[in-house]
Every structure is written in C-alpha cells, then in structure tokens.
Amino acid sequence: MTSFLVFLHVAAAILLIGPVCVSTSSYQTQMAKAAQGDQAALGSARVLHNITNTYGYISAIVPILGLGVFLSDIDAYKSEVNFHIAILVAIVAWCLLFFLIIPKQKKTVAALEGAGAVDMEGTKKQLSAFSGIFNLLWMICAILMFI
C-alpha cells in the first residue's frame, strides 16, 4: 500500500506542481508583451494566470497524499528529518504562491484589462524573483524527498 501511495504522491506532484512552476515562470514575459499592447500576449497571460491559480489550489492533493504515505508507515518515516524539512519547504513555497504570486498576477491581469493601474516593470521584477524562488523551493523539496 505504501508503494502505491508513494506513486500517487509523486505522480500528483509532477502533474500538478509542474504546470504551476512553468506558468509562474512564463507569466512575466507574456505580461510584459501585453503591457505593450499585444492582445495575443494578454490572452496568454490570462491563461497562465488561470493555470497558476487552478493548479496551485488543486496541488493541495500532493501533501494529502504525502500525509497518507507518512501515516501508512509512520515508524519508517517519523525519524527521517529530510522529509520534515521538505514539508516545511513545501509550506513556504505554497505560501509564496498563494499570498504573493497569485495576487500579483491577478492585479496585473486586471490592470492589463483596464481595471486598475500597476507598476508593470516593478511587478515584473517581483514576479520573476518570486517565481524563481518558488521553483527553487520545489527543486529543494524534490531533492530532500529522494536523499
């Protein structure tokens, strides 16, 4: 049973967190093009924001499955410090996503559609930095899970 749960946990991480990492990294480029009046880029920015938002929330399945793995063989996993650190890193990554990246993307999409004003250059830099940190945290989490 533990092997099956590990498979589900890893598959969910790849299928759900992978698209979020790609969309958070790609959003800034499309946002910048849309700010210059490119309507196709505006559509792309909307789609990337929707992917970030939707897959970000659905990716909550990953820690639920991870908890299932942990509880299925608690004696083996309770003393593995790397798993505990990976959980903390994942929480930091999700907080970064939910409290910084998604709200900033939402504001810039609204501004690009004419429903507000945002410093596009400053926001692009912030989103680039936050997205890079977000992706780095997931790489660290993945490494911790497999060492």
Foldseek 3Di string as FASTA:
>chain_A
DLVVLVVVLVVLCCVQVVLLLVLLQPLLVLLVVLVVPDPVSLVVNVVSLVSNVVSLVVSVVNVVSVVVSCVVCVVVPVPQVLLVVLVVLVVVLSCLSPVPQSVLSVVSSCVSVPNDDDPSVVSSVVSNVSSVSSVVSVVSSVVSVPD
